[in-house]
Amino acid sequence: MRLPAIAFALFTLAAHADTGNPKQQLNEARYYGWTVARSTVDALRRAGTKQPAIADWIVDFDQAAARIDANGSPGRMRPLHVDALVSRNPKFWRATYEAPPADPAIMMLHGALLLAAGEATRARYVFVLASQHPRLPPEWREAYGRLTARTHTVGLRSRELVLEGLRLRNQRDFPAALEKMTDALVHWPQNALAHWEIGRTLREQAWEATRNLELPDPPEVGAALARARQHDPLLMEAYQSGDPALRKSLMALMSNQGPAWLRLSQNLDRQASPEILERLASALQRAGLDELALVAYQAVRARRGNADPADQRFIATSLGALAPAAISR
């Protein structure tokens, strides 16, 4: 699936536009993620795609667009429910598998819509994996790189507030620390580190109050860690729990995912071997991170260049967890 040059011009404009105002960085990133996604969909319309699954999903996109009503202003964008539109949407996954493996337009839509929802970390992971396509045209690679750079600008003030909260926690001023970290979420609600540090602070506060290090986590700790994992599924610290399922996920991530991911994320131009990508995808699936597992496996299929008997089993396993209706027909 190829897009006309105008779409790439829009990608470039969207990736570069930035007022530099820390208070507006999240709104700007969301708006430009949305601009990229909308431009991609518009280009697909102009191309007159005859792929029914993609056309079917565009109906859902149009309904979401009507609700967002950005009206040309980053500050006016309403929330985008990206899990309903992308991550758990069976139409999106049917469109994904109707296209060639790791199709650049589909991968761009996936990452850009995550960014439009404020999920900058999850978007960055998609762009990193999308860059593993072995025959990726230079303009797509440049677009991925610029959008990846955009994800790093989200929530700078939010991160500063988390650090201020950490200093207060080190002074054992738990209420003030929690106030700073909660304020961090006002600036960026999807800041996984803030959610994790809130959970950790609540845990330490409970320990200090009871002088009992064996005390089970209060429910609000588990809830904070779950939100951290939601917004950054590779934040290892957020898997520290007495829950056997979470320990299993952590062991899967630590087995192969860490070194492989580090190599990929440090350089978008670096191409991993199919074996490394396959180990990474397998680790993600064993950890229950099915969305990322499917994205990584797209890169595996694109790199391998031919079908494998294991493909259907791998895809069905993760689709069954994310969007079972995608494989119901």
C-alpha atoms as a PDB file:
ATOM      1  CA  MET A   1       0.000   0.000   0.000  1.00  0.00           C
ATOM      2  CA  ARG A   2       1.592   3.247  -1.127  1.00  0.00           C
ATOM      3  CA  LEU A   3       0.550   6.804  -0.453  1.00  0.00           C
ATOM      4  CA  PRO A   4       1.007   9.904  -2.623  1.00  0.00           C
ATOM      5  CA  ALA A   5       3.717  12.427  -1.858  1.00  0.00           C
ATOM      6  CA  ILE A   6       1.272  14.897  -0.308  1.00  0.00           C
ATOM      7  CA  ALA A   7       0.748  12.509   2.608  1.00  0.00           C
ATOM      8  CA  PHE A   8       4.452  12.533   3.413  1.00  0.00           C
ATOM      9  CA  ALA A   9       4.492  16.328   3.263  1.00  0.00           C
ATOM     10  CA  LEU A  10       1.766  16.316   5.881  1.00  0.00           C
ATOM     11  CA  PHE A  11       3.724  13.833   8.000  1.00  0.00           C
ATOM     12  CA  THR A  12       6.716  16.164   7.894  1.00  0.00           C
ATOM     13  CA  LEU A  13       4.661  19.225   8.839  1.00  0.00           C
ATOM     14  CA  ALA A  14       3.005  17.342  11.660  1.00  0.00           C
ATOM     15  CA  ALA A  15       6.267  16.027  13.037  1.00  0.00           C
ATOM     16  CA  HIS A  16       8.005  19.403  13.039  1.00  0.00           C
ATOM     17  CA  ALA A  17       5.298  21.735  14.283  1.00  0.00           C
ATOM     18  CA  ASP A  18       5.912  22.546  17.962  1.00  0.00           C
ATOM     19  CA  THR A  19       5.405  25.788  19.863  1.00  0.00           C
ATOM     20  CA  GLY A  20       7.860  24.740  22.573  1.00  0.00           C
ATOM     21  CA  ASN A  21       5.294  25.530  25.283  1.00  0.00           C
ATOM     22  CA  PRO A  22       5.583  22.774  27.947  1.00  0.00           C
ATOM     23  CA  LYS A  23       1.920  23.182  28.872  1.00  0.00           C
ATOM     24  CA  GLN A  24       0.872  22.511  25.281  1.00  0.00           C
ATOM     25  CA  GLN A  25       3.251  19.670  24.391  1.00  0.00           C
ATOM     26  CA  LEU A  26       0.762  16.901  25.089  1.00  0.00           C
ATOM     27  CA  ASN A  27      -2.043  18.654  23.195  1.00  0.00           C
ATOM     28  CA  GLU A  28       0.278  19.348  20.265  1.00  0.00           C
ATOM     29  CA  ALA A  29       1.547  15.771  20.116  1.00  0.00           C
ATOM     30  CA  ARG A  30      -1.992  14.410  20.245  1.00  0.00           C
ATOM     31  CA  TYR A  31      -3.146  16.813  17.542  1.00  0.00           C
ATOM     32  CA  TYR A  32      -0.297  16.010  15.184  1.00  0.00           C
ATOM     33  CA  GLY A  33      -0.689  12.307  15.752  1.00  0.00           C
ATOM     34  CA  TRP A  34      -4.294  12.796  14.752  1.00  0.00           C
ATOM     35  CA  THR A  35      -3.248  14.883  11.731  1.00  0.00           C
ATOM     36  CA  VAL A  36      -0.962  12.095  10.536  1.00  0.00           C
ATOM     37  CA  ALA A  37      -3.674   9.470  10.983  1.00  0.00           C
ATOM     38  CA  ARG A  38      -6.305  11.578   9.265  1.00  0.00           C
ATOM     39  CA  SER A  39      -3.938  12.353   6.376  1.00  0.00           C
ATOM     40  CA  THR A  40      -3.217   8.651   5.952  1.00  0.00           C
ATOM     41  CA  VAL A  41      -6.906   7.787   5.885  1.00  0.00           C
ATOM     42  CA  ASP A  42      -7.618  10.608   3.408  1.00  0.00           C
ATOM     43  CA  ALA A  43      -4.849   9.331   1.160  1.00  0.00           C
ATOM     44  CA  LEU A  44      -6.306   5.830   1.331  1.00  0.00           C
ATOM     45  CA  ARG A  45      -9.647   7.226   0.231  1.00  0.00           C
ATOM     46  CA  ARG A  46      -8.057   9.072  -2.688  1.00  0.00           C
ATOM     47  CA  ALA A  47      -6.221   5.916  -3.681  1.00  0.00           C
ATOM     48  CA  GLY A  48      -9.599   4.186  -3.850  1.00  0.00           C
ATOM     49  CA  THR A  49      -8.612   1.111  -1.850  1.00  0.00           C
ATOM     50  CA  LYS A  50     -10.543  -1.994  -2.856  1.00  0.00           C
ATOM     51  CA  GLN A  51      -9.665  -3.869   0.317  1.00  0.00           C
ATOM     52  CA  PRO A  52     -12.964  -4.395   2.153  1.00  0.00           C
ATOM     53  CA  ALA A  53     -11.553  -4.715   5.677  1.00  0.00           C
ATOM     54  CA  ILE A  54      -9.768  -1.378   5.441  1.00  0.00           C
ATOM     55  CA  ALA A  55     -12.886   0.317   4.079  1.00  0.00           C
ATOM     56  CA  ASP A  56     -14.890  -1.281   6.892  1.00  0.00           C
ATOM     57  CA  TRP A  57     -12.512   0.073   9.550  1.00  0.00           C
ATOM     58  CA  ILE A  58     -12.535   3.567   8.009  1.00  0.00           C
ATOM     59  CA  VAL A  59     -16.238   3.722   8.934  1.00  0.00           C
ATOM     60  CA  ASP A  60     -15.213   3.399  12.595  1.00  0.00           C
ATOM     61  CA  PHE A  61     -12.494   5.995  12.074  1.00  0.00           C
ATOM     62  CA  ASP A  62     -15.013   8.462  10.636  1.00  0.00           C
ATOM     63  CA  GLN A  63     -17.270   7.984  13.650  1.00  0.00           C
ATOM     64  CA  ALA A  64     -14.336   8.688  15.990  1.00  0.00           C
ATOM     65  CA  ALA A  65     -13.383  11.736  13.922  1.00  0.00           C
ATOM     66  CA  ALA A  66     -16.875  13.167  14.318  1.00  0.00           C
ATOM     67  CA  ARG A  67     -16.567  12.896  18.109  1.00  0.00           C
ATOM     68  CA  ILE A  68     -13.068  14.391  18.353  1.00  0.00           C
ATOM     69  CA  ASP A  69     -13.921  17.661  16.569  1.00  0.00           C
ATOM     70  CA  ALA A  70     -10.427  19.209  16.838  1.00  0.00           C
ATOM     71  CA  ASN A  71     -11.503  22.118  14.635  1.00  0.00           C
ATOM     72  CA  GLY A  72      -7.892  22.905  13.739  1.00  0.00           C
ATOM     73  CA  SER A  73      -6.835  23.497  17.348  1.00  0.00           C
ATOM     74  CA  PRO A  74      -4.697  21.142  19.476  1.00  0.00           C
ATOM     75  CA  GLY A  75      -6.355  22.361  22.672  1.00  0.00           C
ATOM     76  CA  ARG A  76      -9.845  21.439  21.451  1.00  0.00           C
ATOM     77  CA  MET A  77      -9.246  17.764  20.776  1.00  0.00           C
ATOM     78  CA  ARG A  78     -11.562  15.520  22.716  1.00  0.00           C
ATOM     79  CA  PRO A  79     -10.302  12.196  24.091  1.00  0.00           C
ATOM     80  CA  LEU A  80      -9.657   9.409  21.604  1.00  0.00           C
ATOM     81  CA  HIS A  81     -10.529   5.921  22.823  1.00  0.00           C
ATOM     82  CA  VAL A  82      -7.713   4.185  21.005  1.00  0.00           C
ATOM     83  CA  ASP A  83      -8.312   0.726  22.436  1.00  0.00           C
ATOM     84  CA  ALA A  84     -11.808   0.748  20.942  1.00  0.00           C
ATOM     85  CA  LEU A  85     -10.640   2.172  17.617  1.00  0.00           C
ATOM     86  CA  VAL A  86      -7.381   0.236  17.222  1.00  0.00           C
ATOM     87  CA  SER A  87      -5.997  -2.077  19.883  1.00  0.00           C
ATOM     88  CA  ARG A  88      -9.162  -4.118  20.493  1.00  0.00           C
ATOM     89  CA  ASN A  89     -10.991  -3.340  17.289  1.00  0.00           C
ATOM     90  CA  PRO A  90     -11.516  -6.494  15.193  1.00  0.00           C
ATOM     91  CA  LYS A  91     -11.986  -4.400  12.041  1.00  0.00           C
ATOM     92  CA  PHE A  92      -8.560  -2.830  12.498  1.00  0.00           C
ATOM     93  CA  TRP A  93      -6.889  -6.227  12.866  1.00  0.00           C
ATOM     94  CA  ARG A  94      -8.732  -7.610   9.842  1.00  0.00           C
ATOM     95  CA  ALA A  95      -7.430  -4.600   7.898  1.00  0.00           C
ATOM     96  CA  THR A  96      -3.941  -5.296   9.235  1.00  0.00           C
ATOM     97  CA  TYR A  97      -3.953  -8.854   7.926  1.00  0.00           C
ATOM     98  CA  GLU A  98      -5.638  -7.941   4.663  1.00  0.00           C
ATOM     99  CA  ALA A  99      -2.570  -5.812   3.867  1.00  0.00           C
ATOM    100  CA  PRO A 100       0.979  -7.138   3.351  1.00  0.00           C
ATOM    101  CA  PRO A 101       2.983  -7.830   6.547  1.00  0.00           C
ATOM    102  CA  ALA A 102       4.095  -4.655   8.351  1.00  0.00           C
ATOM    103  CA  ASP A 103       2.393  -2.511   5.706  1.00  0.00           C
ATOM    104  CA  PRO A 104       3.765   1.027   6.256  1.00  0.00           C
ATOM    105  CA  ALA A 105       0.379   2.757   6.075  1.00  0.00           C
ATOM    106  CA  ILE A 106      -1.226   0.393   8.581  1.00  0.00           C
ATOM    107  CA  MET A 107       1.717   0.673  10.956  1.00  0.00           C
ATOM    108  CA  MET A 108       1.642   4.450  10.622  1.00  0.00           C
ATOM    109  CA  LEU A 109      -2.056   4.487  11.457  1.00  0.00           C
ATOM    110  CA  HIS A 110      -1.452   2.275  14.473  1.00  0.00           C
ATOM    111  CA  GLY A 111       1.315   4.417  15.952  1.00  0.00           C
ATOM    112  CA  ALA A 112      -0.205   7.783  15.025  1.00  0.00           C
ATOM    113  CA  LEU A 113      -3.544   6.953  16.636  1.00  0.00           C
ATOM    114  CA  LEU A 114      -1.818   5.829  19.827  1.00  0.00           C
ATOM    115  CA  LEU A 115      -0.023   9.173  19.867  1.00  0.00           C
ATOM    116  CA  ALA A 116      -3.324  10.975  19.224  1.00  0.00           C
ATOM    117  CA  ALA A 117      -4.684   9.300  22.350  1.00  0.00           C
ATOM    118  CA  GLY A 118      -1.725  10.496  24.436  1.00  0.00           C
ATOM    119  CA  GLU A 119      -0.167   7.021  24.467  1.00  0.00           C
ATOM    120  CA  ALA A 120       3.226   8.341  23.405  1.00  0.00           C
ATOM    121  CA  THR A 121       5.217   5.432  24.847  1.00  0.00           C
ATOM    122  CA  ARG A 122       3.099   2.780  23.167  1.00  0.00           C
ATOM    123  CA  ALA A 123       3.249   4.765  19.913  1.00  0.00           C
ATOM    124  CA  ARG A 124       7.044   4.848  20.080  1.00  0.00           C
ATOM    125  CA  TYR A 125       7.166   1.062  20.430  1.00  0.00           C
ATOM    126  CA  VAL A 126       5.049   0.663  17.281  1.00  0.00           C
ATOM    127  CA  PHE A 127       7.253   3.040  15.278  1.00  0.00           C
ATOM    128  CA  VAL A 128      10.421   1.237  16.412  1.00  0.00           C
ATOM    129  CA  LEU A 129       9.035  -2.127  15.317  1.00  0.00           C
ATOM    130  CA  ALA A 130       7.607  -0.703  12.082  1.00  0.00           C
ATOM    131  CA  SER A 131      11.117   0.456  11.185  1.00  0.00           C
ATOM    132  CA  GLN A 132      12.175  -3.188  11.017  1.00  0.00           C
ATOM    133  CA  HIS A 133      10.482  -3.621   7.634  1.00  0.00           C
ATOM    134  CA  PRO A 134      13.329  -4.784   5.360  1.00  0.00           C
ATOM    135  CA  ARG A 135      12.132  -2.882   2.284  1.00  0.00           C
ATOM    136  CA  LEU A 136      10.825   0.250   3.949  1.00  0.00           C
ATOM    137  CA  PRO A 137      10.888   3.211   1.531  1.00  0.00           C
ATOM    138  CA  PRO A 138      13.107   6.073   2.769  1.00  0.00           C
ATOM    139  CA  GLU A 139      10.197   8.492   3.091  1.00  0.00           C
ATOM    140  CA  TRP A 140       8.390   6.124   5.435  1.00  0.00           C
ATOM    141  CA  ARG A 141      11.523   5.582   7.525  1.00  0.00           C
ATOM    142  CA  GLU A 142      11.949   9.339   7.816  1.00  0.00           C
ATOM    143  CA  ALA A 143       8.313   9.742   8.826  1.00  0.00           C
ATOM    144  CA  TYR A 144       8.642   7.032  11.487  1.00  0.00           C
ATOM    145  CA  GLY A 145      11.794   8.684  12.819  1.00  0.00           C
ATOM    146  CA  ARG A 146      10.182  12.096  13.089  1.00  0.00           C
ATOM    147  CA  LEU A 147       7.082  10.751  14.790  1.00  0.00           C
ATOM    148  CA  THR A 148       9.290   8.751  17.163  1.00  0.00           C
ATOM    149  CA  ALA A 149      11.127  11.954  18.044  1.00  0.00           C
ATOM    150  CA  ARG A 150       7.768  13.590  18.695  1.00  0.00           C
ATOM    151  CA  THR A 151       6.877  10.928  21.276  1.00  0.00           C
ATOM    152  CA  HIS A 152       9.926  11.925  23.331  1.00  0.00           C
ATOM    153  CA  THR A 153       8.655  15.510  23.723  1.00  0.00           C
ATOM    154  CA  VAL A 154       5.413  14.536  25.412  1.00  0.00           C
ATOM    155  CA  GLY A 155       5.111  15.180  29.120  1.00  0.00           C
ATOM    156  CA  LEU A 156       8.419  16.898  29.854  1.00  0.00           C
ATOM    157  CA  ARG A 157       6.849  18.904  32.687  1.00  0.00           C
ATOM    158  CA  SER A 158       5.105  15.756  33.902  1.00  0.00           C
ATOM    159  CA  ARG A 159       8.469  14.002  34.200  1.00  0.00           C
ATOM    160  CA  GLU A 160       9.933  16.948  36.110  1.00  0.00           C
ATOM    161  CA  LEU A 161       7.097  16.758  38.628  1.00  0.00           C
ATOM    162  CA  VAL A 162       7.723  13.031  39.125  1.00  0.00           C
ATOM    163  CA  LEU A 163      11.371  13.790  39.975  1.00  0.00           C
ATOM    164  CA  GLU A 164      10.247  16.451  42.440  1.00  0.00           C
ATOM    165  CA  GLY A 165       7.938  13.869  43.989  1.00  0.00           C
ATOM    166  CA  LEU A 166      10.798  11.381  44.285  1.00  0.00           C
ATOM    167  CA  ARG A 167      12.875  13.905  46.224  1.00  0.00           C
ATOM    168  CA  LEU A 168       9.982  14.438  48.625  1.00  0.00           C
ATOM    169  CA  ARG A 169       9.501  10.696  49.033  1.00  0.00           C
ATOM    170  CA  ASN A 170      13.178  10.287  49.857  1.00  0.00           C
ATOM    171  CA  GLN A 171      12.557  12.810  52.630  1.00  0.00           C
ATOM    172  CA  ARG A 172       9.682  10.556  53.795  1.00  0.00           C
ATOM    173  CA  ASP A 173       7.105  13.258  53.060  1.00  0.00           C
ATOM    174  CA  PHE A 174       4.637  10.889  51.456  1.00  0.00           C
ATOM    175  CA  PRO A 175       1.601  13.212  51.199  1.00  0.00           C
ATOM    176  CA  ALA A 176       3.640  15.926  49.447  1.00  0.00           C
ATOM    177  CA  ALA A 177       5.251  13.339  47.163  1.00  0.00           C
ATOM    178  CA  LEU A 178       1.846  11.950  46.156  1.00  0.00           C
ATOM    179  CA  GLU A 179       0.590  15.465  45.492  1.00  0.00           C
ATOM    180  CA  LYS A 180       3.476  16.149  43.096  1.00  0.00           C
ATOM    181  CA  MET A 181       3.030  12.834  41.299  1.00  0.00           C
ATOM    182  CA  THR A 182      -0.704  13.341  40.982  1.00  0.00           C
ATOM    183  CA  ASP A 183      -0.015  16.791  39.536  1.00  0.00           C
ATOM    184  CA  ALA A 184       2.280  15.079  37.014  1.00  0.00           C
ATOM    185  CA  LEU A 185      -0.736  13.149  35.732  1.00  0.00           C
ATOM    186  CA  VAL A 186      -2.615  16.391  35.156  1.00  0.00           C
ATOM    187  CA  HIS A 187       0.094  17.299  32.622  1.00  0.00           C
ATOM    188  CA  TRP A 188       0.209  13.808  31.090  1.00  0.00           C
ATOM    189  CA  PRO A 189      -2.382  11.247  32.258  1.00  0.00           C
ATOM    190  CA  GLN A 190      -0.611   8.438  30.355  1.00  0.00           C
ATOM    191  CA  ASN A 191       2.705   8.932  32.192  1.00  0.00           C
ATOM    192  CA  ALA A 192       3.414   5.331  33.203  1.00  0.00           C
ATOM    193  CA  LEU A 193       6.337   6.322  35.424  1.00  0.00           C
ATOM    194  CA  ALA A 194       4.103   8.634  37.447  1.00  0.00           C
ATOM    195  CA  HIS A 195       1.556   5.844  37.954  1.00  0.00           C
ATOM    196  CA  TRP A 196       4.319   3.447  39.000  1.00  0.00           C
ATOM    197  CA  GLU A 197       5.864   5.931  41.426  1.00  0.00           C
ATOM    198  CA  ILE A 198       2.448   6.660  42.945  1.00  0.00           C
ATOM    199  CA  GLY A 199       2.009   2.934  43.543  1.00  0.00           C
ATOM    200  CA  ARG A 200       5.489   2.637  45.020  1.00  0.00           C
ATOM    201  CA  THR A 201       4.932   5.666  47.276  1.00  0.00           C
ATOM    202  CA  LEU A 202       1.638   4.254  48.551  1.00  0.00           C
ATOM    203  CA  ARG A 203       3.390   0.951  49.218  1.00  0.00           C
ATOM    204  CA  GLU A 204       6.222   2.591  51.182  1.00  0.00           C
ATOM    205  CA  GLN A 205       3.748   4.770  53.059  1.00  0.00           C
ATOM    206  CA  ALA A 206       1.857   1.654  54.185  1.00  0.00           C
ATOM    207  CA  TRP A 207       5.079  -0.062  55.208  1.00  0.00           C
ATOM    208  CA  GLU A 208       6.211   2.893  57.260  1.00  0.00           C
ATOM    209  CA  ALA A 209       2.832   3.251  58.951  1.00  0.00           C
ATOM    210  CA  THR A 210       2.730  -0.419  60.014  1.00  0.00           C
ATOM    211  CA  ARG A 211       6.465  -1.219  60.249  1.00  0.00           C
ATOM    212  CA  ASN A 212       5.540  -4.417  58.433  1.00  0.00           C
ATOM    213  CA  LEU A 213       7.443  -5.118  55.217  1.00  0.00           C
ATOM    214  CA  GLU A 214       5.388  -8.301  54.701  1.00  0.00           C
ATOM    215  CA  LEU A 215       2.162  -6.306  54.483  1.00  0.00           C
ATOM    216  CA  PRO A 216       0.206  -7.099  51.280  1.00  0.00           C
ATOM    217  CA  ASP A 217      -0.132  -4.179  48.927  1.00  0.00           C
ATOM    218  CA  PRO A 218      -3.207  -2.022  49.488  1.00  0.00           C
ATOM    219  CA  PRO A 219      -5.649  -2.227  46.535  1.00  0.00           C
ATOM    220  CA  GLU A 220      -4.722   1.267  45.353  1.00  0.00           C
ATOM    221  CA  VAL A 221      -1.117   0.097  44.829  1.00  0.00           C
ATOM    222  CA  GLY A 222      -2.214  -2.660  42.479  1.00  0.00           C
ATOM    223  CA  ALA A 223      -4.475  -0.222  40.629  1.00  0.00           C
ATOM    224  CA  ALA A 224      -1.625   2.271  40.145  1.00  0.00           C
ATOM    225  CA  LEU A 225       0.724  -0.444  38.872  1.00  0.00           C
ATOM    226  CA  ALA A 226      -1.947  -1.720  36.472  1.00  0.00           C
ATOM    227  CA  ARG A 227      -2.273   1.777  34.999  1.00  0.00           C
ATOM    228  CA  ALA A 228       1.508   1.969  34.654  1.00  0.00           C
ATOM    229  CA  ARG A 229       1.551  -1.315  32.710  1.00  0.00           C
ATOM    230  CA  GLN A 230      -1.338  -0.110  30.554  1.00  0.00           C
ATOM    231  CA  HIS A 231       0.539   2.995  29.442  1.00  0.00           C
ATOM    232  CA  ASP A 232       3.999   1.395  29.226  1.00  0.00           C
ATOM    233  CA  PRO A 233       3.767  -2.381  28.873  1.00  0.00           C
ATOM    234  CA  LEU A 234       7.572  -2.668  28.991  1.00  0.00           C
ATOM    235  CA  LEU A 235       8.024  -0.849  32.310  1.00  0.00           C
ATOM    236  CA  MET A 236       9.548  -3.776  34.186  1.00  0.00           C
ATOM    237  CA  GLU A 237       9.148  -2.225  37.633  1.00  0.00           C
ATOM    238  CA  ALA A 238       5.375  -2.208  37.253  1.00  0.00           C
ATOM    239  CA  TYR A 239       5.378  -6.025  37.204  1.00  0.00           C
ATOM    240  CA  GLN A 240       6.819  -6.257  40.724  1.00  0.00           C
ATOM    241  CA  SER A 241       3.964  -7.964  42.504  1.00  0.00           C
ATOM    242  CA  GLY A 242       3.016 -11.063  44.419  1.00  0.00           C
ATOM    243  CA  ASP A 243       0.629 -11.977  41.599  1.00  0.00           C
ATOM    244  CA  PRO A 244       1.913 -15.194  39.947  1.00  0.00           C
ATOM    245  CA  ALA A 245       0.630 -14.075  36.519  1.00  0.00           C
ATOM    246  CA  LEU A 246       2.599 -10.829  36.756  1.00  0.00           C
ATOM    247  CA  ARG A 247       5.722 -12.691  37.873  1.00  0.00           C
ATOM    248  CA  LYS A 248       5.333 -14.948  34.836  1.00  0.00           C
ATOM    249  CA  SER A 249       5.040 -11.892  32.574  1.00  0.00           C
ATOM    250  CA  LEU A 250       8.126 -10.351  34.133  1.00  0.00           C
ATOM    251  CA  MET A 251      10.159 -13.524  33.632  1.00  0.00           C
ATOM    252  CA  ALA A 252       9.079 -13.682  29.972  1.00  0.00           C
ATOM    253  CA  LEU A 253      10.123 -10.073  29.409  1.00  0.00           C
ATOM    254  CA  MET A 254      13.457 -10.514  31.146  1.00  0.00           C
ATOM    255  CA  SER A 255      14.306 -13.692  29.223  1.00  0.00           C
ATOM    256  CA  ASN A 256      14.796 -12.327  25.713  1.00  0.00           C
ATOM    257  CA  GLN A 257      12.950  -9.062  25.386  1.00  0.00           C
ATOM    258  CA  GLY A 258      15.362  -6.743  27.206  1.00  0.00           C
ATOM    259  CA  PRO A 259      18.584  -6.976  25.157  1.00  0.00           C
ATOM    260  CA  ALA A 260      16.723  -7.353  21.852  1.00  0.00           C
ATOM    261  CA  TRP A 261      14.533  -4.348  22.509  1.00  0.00           C
ATOM    262  CA  LEU A 262      17.461  -2.210  23.615  1.00  0.00           C
ATOM    263  CA  ARG A 263      19.283  -2.872  20.343  1.00  0.00           C
ATOM    264  CA  LEU A 264      16.225  -2.018  18.257  1.00  0.00           C
ATOM    265  CA  SER A 265      15.204   1.126  20.110  1.00  0.00           C
ATOM    266  CA  GLN A 266      18.639   2.748  20.055  1.00  0.00           C
ATOM    267  CA  ASN A 267      18.783   3.019  16.267  1.00  0.00           C
ATOM    268  CA  LEU A 268      15.773   2.917  13.950  1.00  0.00           C
ATOM    269  CA  ASP A 269      18.069   2.138  11.011  1.00  0.00           C
ATOM    270  CA  ARG A 270      19.430  -1.021  12.635  1.00  0.00           C
ATOM    271  CA  GLN A 271      17.901  -4.162  11.196  1.00  0.00           C
ATOM    272  CA  ALA A 272      17.578  -7.150  13.494  1.00  0.00           C
ATOM    273  CA  SER A 273      17.699 -10.718  12.265  1.00  0.00           C
ATOM    274  CA  PRO A 274      14.410 -12.625  11.855  1.00  0.00           C
ATOM    275  CA  GLU A 275      15.502 -14.834  14.757  1.00  0.00           C
ATOM    276  CA  ILE A 276      15.893 -11.889  17.135  1.00  0.00           C
ATOM    277  CA  LEU A 277      12.564 -10.426  16.078  1.00  0.00           C
ATOM    278  CA  GLU A 278      10.876 -13.784  16.510  1.00  0.00           C
ATOM    279  CA  ARG A 279      12.308 -14.221  20.015  1.00  0.00           C
ATOM    280  CA  LEU A 280      11.136 -10.725  20.872  1.00  0.00           C
ATOM    281  CA  ALA A 281       7.619 -11.397  19.567  1.00  0.00           C
ATOM    282  CA  SER A 282       7.482 -14.694  21.455  1.00  0.00           C
ATOM    283  CA  ALA A 283       8.568 -13.046  24.717  1.00  0.00           C
ATOM    284  CA  LEU A 284       5.930 -10.345  24.303  1.00  0.00           C
ATOM    285  CA  GLN A 285       3.231 -12.931  23.685  1.00  0.00           C
ATOM    286  CA  ARG A 286       4.270 -15.029  26.693  1.00  0.00           C
ATOM    287  CA  ALA A 287       4.120 -11.864  28.786  1.00  0.00           C
ATOM    288  CA  GLY A 288       0.546 -11.277  27.656  1.00  0.00           C
ATOM    289  CA  LEU A 289       1.449  -8.133  25.696  1.00  0.00           C
ATOM    290  CA  ASP A 290      -0.556  -9.202  22.686  1.00  0.00           C
ATOM    291  CA  GLU A 291      -0.795  -5.875  20.861  1.00  0.00           C
ATOM    292  CA  LEU A 292       2.985  -5.439  20.831  1.00  0.00           C
ATOM    293  CA  ALA A 293       3.455  -9.137  20.089  1.00  0.00           C
ATOM    294  CA  LEU A 294       1.344  -8.839  16.939  1.00  0.00           C
ATOM    295  CA  VAL A 295       3.202  -5.714  15.817  1.00  0.00           C
ATOM    296  CA  ALA A 296       6.555  -7.418  16.379  1.00  0.00           C
ATOM    297  CA  TYR A 297       5.380 -10.505  14.521  1.00  0.00           C
ATOM    298  CA  GLN A 298       4.394  -8.347  11.573  1.00  0.00           C
ATOM    299  CA  ALA A 299       8.059  -7.356  11.371  1.00  0.00           C
ATOM    300  CA  VAL A 300       9.013 -11.061  11.589  1.00  0.00           C
ATOM    301  CA  ARG A 301       6.755 -11.917   8.657  1.00  0.00           C
ATOM    302  CA  ALA A 302       7.998  -8.982   6.582  1.00  0.00           C
ATOM    303  CA  ARG A 303      11.620  -9.874   7.281  1.00  0.00           C
ATOM    304  CA  ARG A 304      11.157 -13.566   6.570  1.00  0.00           C
ATOM    305  CA  GLY A 305       9.394 -12.886   3.284  1.00  0.00           C
ATOM    306  CA  ASN A 306       7.416 -16.116   3.185  1.00  0.00           C
ATOM    307  CA  ALA A 307       4.653 -17.798   5.153  1.00  0.00           C
ATOM    308  CA  ASP A 308       5.392 -20.176   7.992  1.00  0.00           C
ATOM    309  CA  PRO A 309       3.038 -22.831   9.413  1.00  0.00           C
ATOM    310  CA  ALA A 310       3.455 -21.237  12.850  1.00  0.00           C
ATOM    311  CA  ASP A 311       2.114 -17.872  11.688  1.00  0.00           C
ATOM    312  CA  GLN A 312      -1.553 -18.723  11.985  1.00  0.00           C
ATOM    313  CA  ARG A 313      -1.145 -20.167  15.481  1.00  0.00           C
ATOM    314  CA  PHE A 314       0.821 -17.161  16.763  1.00  0.00           C
ATOM    315  CA  ILE A 315      -1.599 -14.621  15.288  1.00  0.00           C
ATOM    316  CA  ALA A 316      -4.702 -16.484  16.473  1.00  0.00           C
ATOM    317  CA  THR A 317      -3.350 -16.707  20.022  1.00  0.00           C
ATOM    318  CA  SER A 318      -2.852 -12.966  20.411  1.00  0.00           C
ATOM    319  CA  LEU A 319      -5.917 -11.957  18.405  1.00  0.00           C
ATOM    320  CA  GLY A 320      -7.977 -14.294  20.569  1.00  0.00           C
ATOM    321  CA  ALA A 321      -6.866 -12.305  23.610  1.00  0.00           C
ATOM    322  CA  LEU A 322      -7.240  -8.844  22.041  1.00  0.00           C
ATOM    323  CA  ALA A 323     -10.110  -8.977  19.562  1.00  0.00           C
ATOM    324  CA  PRO A 324     -11.609 -12.479  19.178  1.00  0.00           C
ATOM    325  CA  ALA A 325     -14.115 -11.270  16.602  1.00  0.00           C
ATOM    326  CA  ALA A 326     -11.221 -10.634  14.234  1.00  0.00           C
ATOM    327  CA  ILE A 327     -10.799 -14.392  13.806  1.00  0.00           C
ATOM    328  CA  SER A 328     -14.431 -15.408  14.035  1.00  0.00           C
ATOM    329  CA  ARG A 329     -14.891 -15.488  10.289  1.00  0.00           C
END
